[in-house]
């Protein structure tokens, strides 16, 4: 397996000084937004970016050559969606190299240590491509602030519904998976460590395990293997989590569903978002309230 560091580049009709200043002085305008705290202009400056439940990292400026080069060292990190090493970014470097090309400027970006053999590589490479080629490019060239809501590019899919049944009854009904989700199902998903298989047609499959089950509070299904033949990355759901959180008050149960790892930065989101919208807000809601799911997707 190749272990090449992630790298990408953009070319803009701006001076090297403009590019340098936009990167150092305005990081919150193209990466991090309101979740960025600290300073990012001078040598030894430090700043953090914190997207609760998804990503935290602390960067230190360890090399600054005006109009030519900037290096951020990641001194702390937590990527909550990783299964093996949530600190994969720690001690990696984000390197910005600036070169003039006639009347234009080329920015080369490398995340040194974000190698193709890393667990986080697939999603992080897509994320960086959007941040550099979309958010940073637009900010440098037009001043357009386009954070991932732009921040939403990093947000996990989530939806909530409220039903007049107990949390215990809702949890029990969710385990009757084929009564509300239009998939082929085998196995069991009623208790912690249960394993099951779902298929969505063709050569697709999704192996899942019940990774967490807290009575009346929470269910977590972990995707342990998958094949999504419709996409270039057939493993996009691998290591993602389907999370059901329950809050009960005076006979009303609020269910919040989160697909952790399913963000707008990945290819399948364009199909999975409307799919989950239907299966959670229409079919599961209908099943919990009437006993019958809605299998007619609109």
C-alpha atoms as a PDB file:
ATOM      1  CA  UNK A   1       0.000   0.000   0.000  1.00  0.00           C
ATOM      2  CA  UNK A   2       1.246   3.451  -0.889  1.00  0.00           C
ATOM      3  CA  UNK A   3       1.866   5.839   1.987  1.00  0.00           C
ATOM      4  CA  UNK A   4       2.012   9.074   0.046  1.00  0.00           C
ATOM      5  CA  UNK A   5       1.174  12.268   1.934  1.00  0.00           C
ATOM      6  CA  UNK A   6      -1.905  14.180   0.860  1.00  0.00           C
ATOM      7  CA  UNK A   7      -1.114  17.134  -1.405  1.00  0.00           C
ATOM      8  CA  UNK A   8      -3.067  19.488  -3.620  1.00  0.00           C
ATOM      9  CA  UNK A   9      -2.560  22.880  -5.259  1.00  0.00           C
ATOM     10  CA  UNK A  10      -4.383  25.920  -6.584  1.00  0.00           C
ATOM     11  CA  UNK A  11      -3.382  28.715  -8.968  1.00  0.00           C
ATOM     12  CA  UNK A  12      -4.726  32.230  -8.437  1.00  0.00           C
ATOM     13  CA  UNK A  13      -4.372  35.605 -10.144  1.00  0.00           C
ATOM     14  CA  UNK A  14      -3.017  37.198  -6.971  1.00  0.00           C
ATOM     15  CA  UNK A  15       0.448  38.113  -5.724  1.00  0.00           C
ATOM     16  CA  UNK A  16       2.389  35.811  -3.376  1.00  0.00           C
ATOM     17  CA  UNK A  17       1.948  38.461  -0.686  1.00  0.00           C
ATOM     18  CA  UNK A  18      -1.839  38.409  -1.084  1.00  0.00           C
ATOM     19  CA  UNK A  19      -1.886  34.616  -0.863  1.00  0.00           C
ATOM     20  CA  UNK A  20       0.373  34.595   2.201  1.00  0.00           C
ATOM     21  CA  UNK A  21      -1.686  37.252   3.998  1.00  0.00           C
ATOM     22  CA  UNK A  22      -4.994  35.546   3.254  1.00  0.00           C
ATOM     23  CA  UNK A  23      -3.728  32.254   4.648  1.00  0.00           C
ATOM     24  CA  UNK A  24      -2.140  33.618   7.831  1.00  0.00           C
ATOM     25  CA  UNK A  25      -4.399  36.511   8.773  1.00  0.00           C
ATOM     26  CA  UNK A  26      -7.789  35.052   7.962  1.00  0.00           C
ATOM     27  CA  UNK A  27      -7.793  31.309   8.719  1.00  0.00           C
ATOM     28  CA  UNK A  28     -11.261  31.563  10.285  1.00  0.00           C
ATOM     29  CA  UNK A  29     -12.607  32.849   6.950  1.00  0.00           C
ATOM     30  CA  UNK A  30     -11.731  29.695   5.042  1.00  0.00           C
ATOM     31  CA  UNK A  31     -11.124  26.965   7.682  1.00  0.00           C
ATOM     32  CA  UNK A  32     -12.635  26.714  11.111  1.00  0.00           C
ATOM     33  CA  UNK A  33     -15.057  29.626  11.168  1.00  0.00           C
ATOM     34  CA  UNK A  34     -16.372  30.473  14.628  1.00  0.00           C
ATOM     35  CA  UNK A  35     -14.807  27.267  15.970  1.00  0.00           C
ATOM     36  CA  UNK A  36     -11.285  28.640  15.521  1.00  0.00           C
ATOM     37  CA  UNK A  37      -9.626  30.130  18.604  1.00  0.00           C
ATOM     38  CA  UNK A  38      -6.147  31.653  18.902  1.00  0.00           C
ATOM     39  CA  UNK A  39      -3.654  33.259  16.514  1.00  0.00           C
ATOM     40  CA  UNK A  40      -2.176  32.151  13.187  1.00  0.00           C
ATOM     41  CA  UNK A  41       0.033  34.993  11.916  1.00  0.00           C
ATOM     42  CA  UNK A  42       3.517  34.725  13.414  1.00  0.00           C
ATOM     43  CA  UNK A  43       6.091  32.110  14.350  1.00  0.00           C
ATOM     44  CA  UNK A  44       5.039  30.192  17.507  1.00  0.00           C
ATOM     45  CA  UNK A  45       1.425  31.388  17.302  1.00  0.00           C
ATOM     46  CA  UNK A  46      -1.057  28.672  18.259  1.00  0.00           C
ATOM     47  CA  UNK A  47      -4.704  28.109  17.405  1.00  0.00           C
ATOM     48  CA  UNK A  48      -7.330  25.415  17.863  1.00  0.00           C
ATOM     49  CA  UNK A  49     -10.228  24.210  15.767  1.00  0.00           C
ATOM     50  CA  UNK A  50     -12.984  22.347  17.561  1.00  0.00           C
ATOM     51  CA  UNK A  51     -16.007  20.715  15.920  1.00  0.00           C
ATOM     52  CA  UNK A  52     -17.555  18.904  18.952  1.00  0.00           C
ATOM     53  CA  UNK A  53     -18.089  15.214  18.361  1.00  0.00           C
ATOM     54  CA  UNK A  54     -16.085  15.230  15.137  1.00  0.00           C
ATOM     55  CA  UNK A  55     -12.724  17.011  15.175  1.00  0.00           C
ATOM     56  CA  UNK A  56     -10.393  18.865  17.528  1.00  0.00           C
ATOM     57  CA  UNK A  57      -6.863  19.959  16.652  1.00  0.00           C
ATOM     58  CA  UNK A  58      -4.282  22.415  17.978  1.00  0.00           C
ATOM     59  CA  UNK A  59      -1.789  23.900  15.515  1.00  0.00           C
ATOM     60  CA  UNK A  60       1.472  25.743  16.166  1.00  0.00           C
ATOM     61  CA  UNK A  61       3.277  27.853  13.550  1.00  0.00           C
ATOM     62  CA  UNK A  62       6.753  26.304  13.428  1.00  0.00           C
ATOM     63  CA  UNK A  63       7.992  27.900  10.191  1.00  0.00           C
ATOM     64  CA  UNK A  64       7.016  31.206   8.620  1.00  0.00           C
ATOM     65  CA  UNK A  65       8.805  32.614   5.565  1.00  0.00           C
ATOM     66  CA  UNK A  66       6.889  35.701   4.420  1.00  0.00           C
ATOM     67  CA  UNK A  67       5.247  35.282   0.992  1.00  0.00           C
ATOM     68  CA  UNK A  68       6.858  31.850   0.555  1.00  0.00           C
ATOM     69  CA  UNK A  69       6.067  29.247   3.197  1.00  0.00           C
ATOM     70  CA  UNK A  70       3.954  28.493   6.276  1.00  0.00           C
ATOM     71  CA  UNK A  71       4.136  25.320   8.357  1.00  0.00           C
ATOM     72  CA  UNK A  72       1.640  24.354  11.047  1.00  0.00           C
ATOM     73  CA  UNK A  73       2.556  21.527  13.439  1.00  0.00           C
ATOM     74  CA  UNK A  74      -0.423  19.679  14.910  1.00  0.00           C
ATOM     75  CA  UNK A  75       0.471  19.377  18.599  1.00  0.00           C
ATOM     76  CA  UNK A  76      -2.845  17.881  19.743  1.00  0.00           C
ATOM     77  CA  UNK A  77      -5.719  16.222  17.895  1.00  0.00           C
ATOM     78  CA  UNK A  78      -8.807  14.084  18.304  1.00  0.00           C
ATOM     79  CA  UNK A  79     -10.787  12.707  15.364  1.00  0.00           C
ATOM     80  CA  UNK A  80     -13.795  11.206  17.154  1.00  0.00           C
ATOM     81  CA  UNK A  81     -14.975   9.167  14.183  1.00  0.00           C
ATOM     82  CA  UNK A  82     -11.811   7.053  13.979  1.00  0.00           C
ATOM     83  CA  UNK A  83     -11.820   3.538  15.410  1.00  0.00           C
ATOM     84  CA  UNK A  84      -8.131   2.768  15.933  1.00  0.00           C
ATOM     85  CA  UNK A  85      -6.142   5.926  16.679  1.00  0.00           C
ATOM     86  CA  UNK A  86      -8.159   9.083  17.230  1.00  0.00           C
ATOM     87  CA  UNK A  87      -4.895  11.082  17.431  1.00  0.00           C
ATOM     88  CA  UNK A  88      -3.742  10.310  13.879  1.00  0.00           C
ATOM     89  CA  UNK A  89      -3.223  14.018  13.136  1.00  0.00           C
ATOM     90  CA  UNK A  90      -0.947  14.624  16.144  1.00  0.00           C
ATOM     91  CA  UNK A  91       2.627  15.525  15.095  1.00  0.00           C
ATOM     92  CA  UNK A  92       1.625  15.876  11.450  1.00  0.00           C
ATOM     93  CA  UNK A  93       2.338  19.109   9.576  1.00  0.00           C
ATOM     94  CA  UNK A  94       0.238  21.285   7.296  1.00  0.00           C
ATOM     95  CA  UNK A  95       2.574  22.935   4.797  1.00  0.00           C
ATOM     96  CA  UNK A  96       1.741  25.870   2.519  1.00  0.00           C
ATOM     97  CA  UNK A  97       4.339  26.657  -0.149  1.00  0.00           C
ATOM     98  CA  UNK A  98       3.874  29.706  -2.348  1.00  0.00           C
ATOM     99  CA  UNK A  99       5.491  30.156  -5.774  1.00  0.00           C
ATOM    100  CA  UNK A 100       5.081  32.860  -8.392  1.00  0.00           C
ATOM    101  CA  UNK A 101       4.301  31.799 -11.960  1.00  0.00           C
ATOM    102  CA  UNK A 102       4.420  34.869 -14.233  1.00  0.00           C
ATOM    103  CA  UNK A 103       1.349  36.930 -13.275  1.00  0.00           C
ATOM    104  CA  UNK A 104      -0.144  34.196 -11.132  1.00  0.00           C
ATOM    105  CA  UNK A 105       0.675  32.442  -7.878  1.00  0.00           C
ATOM    106  CA  UNK A 106       0.654  28.719  -7.205  1.00  0.00           C
ATOM    107  CA  UNK A 107      -0.100  27.484  -3.703  1.00  0.00           C
ATOM    108  CA  UNK A 108       1.051  23.954  -2.926  1.00  0.00           C
ATOM    109  CA  UNK A 109      -0.571  22.408   0.142  1.00  0.00           C
ATOM    110  CA  UNK A 110       0.738  19.236   1.801  1.00  0.00           C
ATOM    111  CA  UNK A 111      -0.542  17.567   4.940  1.00  0.00           C
ATOM    112  CA  UNK A 112       2.680  15.797   5.891  1.00  0.00           C
ATOM    113  CA  UNK A 113       1.840  12.667   7.841  1.00  0.00           C
ATOM    114  CA  UNK A 114      -1.665  12.386   6.388  1.00  0.00           C
ATOM    115  CA  UNK A 115      -0.614   9.361   4.393  1.00  0.00           C
ATOM    116  CA  UNK A 116      -2.768   7.134   2.231  1.00  0.00           C
ATOM    117  CA  UNK A 117      -2.249   4.238   4.660  1.00  0.00           C
ATOM    118  CA  UNK A 118      -3.913   6.126   7.522  1.00  0.00           C
ATOM    119  CA  UNK A 119      -7.447   5.296   8.636  1.00  0.00           C
ATOM    120  CA  UNK A 120      -8.485   8.944   8.359  1.00  0.00           C
ATOM    121  CA  UNK A 121      -7.030   9.476   4.879  1.00  0.00           C
ATOM    122  CA  UNK A 122     -10.141   8.968   2.751  1.00  0.00           C
ATOM    123  CA  UNK A 123     -12.398  11.453   4.507  1.00  0.00           C
ATOM    124  CA  UNK A 124      -9.595  13.915   5.348  1.00  0.00           C
ATOM    125  CA  UNK A 125      -8.332  13.991   1.766  1.00  0.00           C
ATOM    126  CA  UNK A 126     -11.827  14.858   0.542  1.00  0.00           C
ATOM    127  CA  UNK A 127     -12.163  17.440   3.297  1.00  0.00           C
ATOM    128  CA  UNK A 128      -8.848  19.119   2.470  1.00  0.00           C
ATOM    129  CA  UNK A 129      -9.673  19.138  -1.237  1.00  0.00           C
ATOM    130  CA  UNK A 130     -12.826  21.102  -0.460  1.00  0.00           C
ATOM    131  CA  UNK A 131     -11.098  23.419   2.031  1.00  0.00           C
ATOM    132  CA  UNK A 132      -8.173  24.285  -0.267  1.00  0.00           C
ATOM    133  CA  UNK A 133      -9.739  24.122  -3.733  1.00  0.00           C
ATOM    134  CA  UNK A 134     -13.101  25.563  -2.794  1.00  0.00           C
ATOM    135  CA  UNK A 135     -13.053  27.566   0.467  1.00  0.00           C
ATOM    136  CA  UNK A 136      -9.501  28.951   0.343  1.00  0.00           C
ATOM    137  CA  UNK A 137      -9.520  29.439  -3.431  1.00  0.00           C
ATOM    138  CA  UNK A 138     -12.753  31.438  -3.289  1.00  0.00           C
ATOM    139  CA  UNK A 139     -11.566  33.496  -0.340  1.00  0.00           C
ATOM    140  CA  UNK A 140      -8.256  34.421  -2.006  1.00  0.00           C
ATOM    141  CA  UNK A 141      -9.762  35.195  -5.399  1.00  0.00           C
ATOM    142  CA  UNK A 142     -13.030  36.896  -4.444  1.00  0.00           C
ATOM    143  CA  UNK A 143     -13.068  37.436  -0.702  1.00  0.00           C
ATOM    144  CA  UNK A 144     -15.992  35.012  -0.467  1.00  0.00           C
ATOM    145  CA  UNK A 145     -16.207  33.406   2.962  1.00  0.00           C
ATOM    146  CA  UNK A 146     -17.154  29.803   2.349  1.00  0.00           C
ATOM    147  CA  UNK A 147     -16.657  27.734   5.473  1.00  0.00           C
ATOM    148  CA  UNK A 148     -17.638  24.026   5.454  1.00  0.00           C
ATOM    149  CA  UNK A 149     -22.523  25.507   6.209  1.00  0.00           C
ATOM    150  CA  UNK A 150     -20.176  26.067   4.841  1.00  0.00           C
ATOM    151  CA  UNK A 151     -19.130  24.539   8.058  1.00  0.00           C
ATOM    152  CA  UNK A 152     -21.889  22.048   7.349  1.00  0.00           C
ATOM    153  CA  UNK A 153     -19.488  20.252   4.989  1.00  0.00           C
ATOM    154  CA  UNK A 154     -17.982  18.689   8.132  1.00  0.00           C
ATOM    155  CA  UNK A 155     -21.247  18.020   9.980  1.00  0.00           C
ATOM    156  CA  UNK A 156     -22.622  14.532  10.421  1.00  0.00           C
ATOM    157  CA  UNK A 157     -26.105  13.853   9.085  1.00  0.00           C
ATOM    158  CA  UNK A 158     -28.643  14.158  11.905  1.00  0.00           C
ATOM    159  CA  UNK A 159     -32.447  14.300  12.218  1.00  0.00           C
ATOM    160  CA  UNK A 160     -34.859  14.247  15.166  1.00  0.00           C
ATOM    161  CA  UNK A 161     -38.431  13.055  15.584  1.00  0.00           C
ATOM    162  CA  UNK A 162     -40.767  13.039  18.609  1.00  0.00           C
ATOM    163  CA  UNK A 163     -43.367  10.354  19.308  1.00  0.00           C
ATOM    164  CA  UNK A 164     -45.921   9.659  22.050  1.00  0.00           C
ATOM    165  CA  UNK A 165     -44.445   6.348  23.168  1.00  0.00           C
ATOM    166  CA  UNK A 166     -41.831   5.379  25.731  1.00  0.00           C
ATOM    167  CA  UNK A 167     -38.127   5.247  24.899  1.00  0.00           C
ATOM    168  CA  UNK A 168     -38.147   1.523  25.707  1.00  0.00           C
ATOM    169  CA  UNK A 169     -40.906   0.883  23.175  1.00  0.00           C
ATOM    170  CA  UNK A 170     -39.136   3.010  20.545  1.00  0.00           C
ATOM    171  CA  UNK A 171     -35.886   1.095  21.035  1.00  0.00           C
ATOM    172  CA  UNK A 172     -37.685  -2.228  20.723  1.00  0.00           C
ATOM    173  CA  UNK A 173     -39.399  -1.175  17.498  1.00  0.00           C
ATOM    174  CA  UNK A 174     -36.171   0.110  15.932  1.00  0.00           C
ATOM    175  CA  UNK A 175     -34.707  -3.391  16.294  1.00  0.00           C
ATOM    176  CA  UNK A 176     -37.514  -4.619  13.972  1.00  0.00           C
ATOM    177  CA  UNK A 177     -35.457  -3.056  11.222  1.00  0.00           C
ATOM    178  CA  UNK A 178     -37.262  -4.276   8.109  1.00  0.00           C
ATOM    179  CA  UNK A 179     -40.569  -2.909   9.382  1.00  0.00           C
ATOM    180  CA  UNK A 180     -39.340   0.632   8.741  1.00  0.00           C
ATOM    181  CA  UNK A 181     -36.184   0.441   6.557  1.00  0.00           C
ATOM    182  CA  UNK A 182     -36.429  -0.894   2.997  1.00  0.00           C
ATOM    183  CA  UNK A 183     -33.417  -3.211   3.019  1.00  0.00           C
ATOM    184  CA  UNK A 184     -32.737  -6.940   3.062  1.00  0.00           C
ATOM    185  CA  UNK A 185     -31.778  -7.975   6.592  1.00  0.00           C
ATOM    186  CA  UNK A 186     -30.252 -11.020   8.253  1.00  0.00           C
ATOM    187  CA  UNK A 187     -28.963 -11.504  11.782  1.00  0.00           C
ATOM    188  CA  UNK A 188     -30.141  -9.758  14.957  1.00  0.00           C
ATOM    189  CA  UNK A 189     -29.814  -6.229  16.343  1.00  0.00           C
ATOM    190  CA  UNK A 190     -31.645  -6.501  19.665  1.00  0.00           C
ATOM    191  CA  UNK A 191     -28.772  -6.503  22.160  1.00  0.00           C
ATOM    192  CA  UNK A 192     -25.178  -5.281  22.466  1.00  0.00           C
ATOM    193  CA  UNK A 193     -22.631  -7.155  20.301  1.00  0.00           C
ATOM    194  CA  UNK A 194     -25.349  -8.553  18.029  1.00  0.00           C
ATOM    195  CA  UNK A 195     -24.212  -8.717  14.396  1.00  0.00           C
ATOM    196  CA  UNK A 196     -26.307  -8.262  11.295  1.00  0.00           C
ATOM    197  CA  UNK A 197     -26.077  -7.832   7.550  1.00  0.00           C
ATOM    198  CA  UNK A 198     -28.116  -5.538   5.327  1.00  0.00           C
ATOM    199  CA  UNK A 199     -28.226  -5.304   1.550  1.00  0.00           C
ATOM    200  CA  UNK A 200     -29.581  -2.571  -0.706  1.00  0.00           C
ATOM    201  CA  UNK A 201     -29.558  -4.417  -4.005  1.00  0.00           C
ATOM    202  CA  UNK A 202     -26.934  -5.673  -6.425  1.00  0.00           C
ATOM    203  CA  UNK A 203     -23.559  -6.467  -4.910  1.00  0.00           C
ATOM    204  CA  UNK A 204     -24.017  -4.059  -2.014  1.00  0.00           C
ATOM    205  CA  UNK A 205     -23.674  -5.178   1.588  1.00  0.00           C
ATOM    206  CA  UNK A 206     -23.209  -3.607   5.000  1.00  0.00           C
ATOM    207  CA  UNK A 207     -21.949  -5.643   7.946  1.00  0.00           C
ATOM    208  CA  UNK A 208     -22.922  -4.038  11.248  1.00  0.00           C
ATOM    209  CA  UNK A 209     -22.600  -4.736  14.934  1.00  0.00           C
ATOM    210  CA  UNK A 210     -24.501  -3.302  17.875  1.00  0.00           C
ATOM    211  CA  UNK A 211     -21.534  -1.471  19.404  1.00  0.00           C
ATOM    212  CA  UNK A 212     -23.497   0.172  22.224  1.00  0.00           C
ATOM    213  CA  UNK A 213     -26.916  -0.263  23.762  1.00  0.00           C
ATOM    214  CA  UNK A 214     -28.003   1.728  26.809  1.00  0.00           C
ATOM    215  CA  UNK A 215     -31.630   0.910  27.727  1.00  0.00           C
ATOM    216  CA  UNK A 216     -33.982   3.873  27.182  1.00  0.00           C
ATOM    217  CA  UNK A 217     -31.029   6.064  26.153  1.00  0.00           C
ATOM    218  CA  UNK A 218     -28.915   4.997  23.192  1.00  0.00           C
ATOM    219  CA  UNK A 219     -28.270   2.515  20.379  1.00  0.00           C
ATOM    220  CA  UNK A 220     -25.113   2.540  18.229  1.00  0.00           C
ATOM    221  CA  UNK A 221     -24.676   0.422  15.110  1.00  0.00           C
ATOM    222  CA  UNK A 222     -21.097   0.277  13.820  1.00  0.00           C
ATOM    223  CA  UNK A 223     -20.427  -0.494  10.142  1.00  0.00           C
ATOM    224  CA  UNK A 224     -17.600  -3.070  10.218  1.00  0.00           C
ATOM    225  CA  UNK A 225     -17.467  -3.746   6.472  1.00  0.00           C
ATOM    226  CA  UNK A 226     -19.366  -2.641   3.395  1.00  0.00           C
ATOM    227  CA  UNK A 227     -19.492  -2.561  -0.376  1.00  0.00           C
ATOM    228  CA  UNK A 228     -21.167   0.373  -2.153  1.00  0.00           C
ATOM    229  CA  UNK A 229     -20.688  -0.449  -5.842  1.00  0.00           C
ATOM    230  CA  UNK A 230     -22.325   2.796  -6.987  1.00  0.00           C
ATOM    231  CA  UNK A 231     -19.447   5.019  -5.782  1.00  0.00           C
ATOM    232  CA  UNK A 232     -15.741   5.454  -6.490  1.00  0.00           C
ATOM    233  CA  UNK A 233     -14.981   4.749  -2.809  1.00  0.00           C
ATOM    234  CA  UNK A 234     -16.946   1.577  -2.201  1.00  0.00           C
ATOM    235  CA  UNK A 235     -16.112   1.677   1.526  1.00  0.00           C
ATOM    236  CA  UNK A 236     -17.482   5.128   2.373  1.00  0.00           C
ATOM    237  CA  UNK A 237     -19.661   3.796   5.180  1.00  0.00           C
ATOM    238  CA  UNK A 238     -16.836   1.721   6.707  1.00  0.00           C
ATOM    239  CA  UNK A 239     -16.324   2.599  10.421  1.00  0.00           C
ATOM    240  CA  UNK A 240     -19.237   5.038  10.360  1.00  0.00           C
ATOM    241  CA  UNK A 241     -21.846   4.775  13.117  1.00  0.00           C
ATOM    242  CA  UNK A 242     -25.640   4.868  13.069  1.00  0.00           C
ATOM    243  CA  UNK A 243     -26.572   6.422  16.409  1.00  0.00           C
ATOM    244  CA  UNK A 244     -30.030   6.615  17.979  1.00  0.00           C
ATOM    245  CA  UNK A 245     -30.257   8.867  21.055  1.00  0.00           C
ATOM    246  CA  UNK A 246     -33.443   8.914  23.149  1.00  0.00           C
ATOM    247  CA  UNK A 247     -34.801  11.552  25.519  1.00  0.00           C
ATOM    248  CA  UNK A 248     -38.058  10.811  27.338  1.00  0.00           C
ATOM    249  CA  UNK A 249     -40.238  13.398  29.099  1.00  0.00           C
ATOM    250  CA  UNK A 250     -43.880  13.072  30.215  1.00  0.00           C
ATOM    251  CA  UNK A 251     -44.606  10.221  27.839  1.00  0.00           C
ATOM    252  CA  UNK A 252     -43.020  11.953  24.832  1.00  0.00           C
ATOM    253  CA  UNK A 253     -39.843  10.439  23.403  1.00  0.00           C
ATOM    254  CA  UNK A 254     -37.502  12.474  21.221  1.00  0.00           C
ATOM    255  CA  UNK A 255     -35.305  10.341  19.010  1.00  0.00           C
ATOM    256  CA  UNK A 256     -32.221  11.944  17.487  1.00  0.00           C
ATOM    257  CA  UNK A 257     -30.628   9.920  14.714  1.00  0.00           C
ATOM    258  CA  UNK A 258     -27.041  10.666  13.686  1.00  0.00           C
ATOM    259  CA  UNK A 259     -25.044   8.952  10.970  1.00  0.00           C
ATOM    260  CA  UNK A 260     -21.578   9.734  12.309  1.00  0.00           C
ATOM    261  CA  UNK A 261     -19.152   9.948   9.384  1.00  0.00           C
ATOM    262  CA  UNK A 262     -21.831  10.731   6.807  1.00  0.00           C
ATOM    263  CA  UNK A 263     -20.999  14.333   5.914  1.00  0.00           C
ATOM    264  CA  UNK A 264     -21.531  16.458   2.782  1.00  0.00           C
ATOM    265  CA  UNK A 265     -17.808  16.055   2.070  1.00  0.00           C
ATOM    266  CA  UNK A 266     -18.269  12.452   0.887  1.00  0.00           C
ATOM    267  CA  UNK A 267     -19.603  11.247  -2.447  1.00  0.00           C
ATOM    268  CA  UNK A 268     -22.613   9.254  -1.241  1.00  0.00           C
ATOM    269  CA  UNK A 269     -24.098  12.134   0.775  1.00  0.00           C
ATOM    270  CA  UNK A 270     -26.159  13.376  -2.182  1.00  0.00           C
ATOM    271  CA  UNK A 271     -28.057  10.077  -2.162  1.00  0.00           C
ATOM    272  CA  UNK A 272     -27.854   9.159   1.527  1.00  0.00           C
ATOM    273  CA  UNK A 273     -29.238  12.485   2.786  1.00  0.00           C
ATOM    274  CA  UNK A 274     -32.626  12.188   1.007  1.00  0.00           C
ATOM    275  CA  UNK A 275     -32.614   8.469   1.774  1.00  0.00           C
ATOM    276  CA  UNK A 276     -32.201   8.975   5.520  1.00  0.00           C
ATOM    277  CA  UNK A 277     -34.627  11.902   5.468  1.00  0.00           C
ATOM    278  CA  UNK A 278     -37.274   9.483   4.217  1.00  0.00           C
ATOM    279  CA  UNK A 279     -36.419   6.473   6.364  1.00  0.00           C
ATOM    280  CA  UNK A 280     -36.146   8.454   9.609  1.00  0.00           C
ATOM    281  CA  UNK A 281     -38.621  11.335   9.351  1.00  0.00           C
ATOM    282  CA  UNK A 282     -41.294   9.521   7.342  1.00  0.00           C
ATOM    283  CA  UNK A 283     -40.968   5.740   7.554  1.00  0.00           C
ATOM    284  CA  UNK A 284     -39.603   5.296  11.085  1.00  0.00           C
ATOM    285  CA  UNK A 285     -41.888   8.046  12.385  1.00  0.00           C
ATOM    286  CA  UNK A 286     -44.866   6.351  10.749  1.00  0.00           C
ATOM    287  CA  UNK A 287     -43.885   2.953  12.148  1.00  0.00           C
ATOM    288  CA  UNK A 288     -43.430   4.284  15.695  1.00  0.00           C
ATOM    289  CA  UNK A 289     -46.762   6.113  15.611  1.00  0.00           C
ATOM    290  CA  UNK A 290     -49.004   3.853  13.511  1.00  0.00           C
ATOM    291  CA  UNK A 291     -47.225   0.502  13.449  1.00  0.00           C
ATOM    292  CA  UNK A 292     -46.669   0.711   9.699  1.00  0.00           C
ATOM    293  CA  UNK A 293     -43.583   2.022   7.866  1.00  0.00           C
ATOM    294  CA  UNK A 294     -43.674   4.154   4.731  1.00  0.00           C
ATOM    295  CA  UNK A 295     -41.879   2.341   1.904  1.00  0.00           C
ATOM    296  CA  UNK A 296     -42.814   4.771  -0.870  1.00  0.00           C
ATOM    297  CA  UNK A 297     -39.833   7.080  -1.331  1.00  0.00           C
ATOM    298  CA  UNK A 298     -40.659  10.386  -2.979  1.00  0.00           C
END
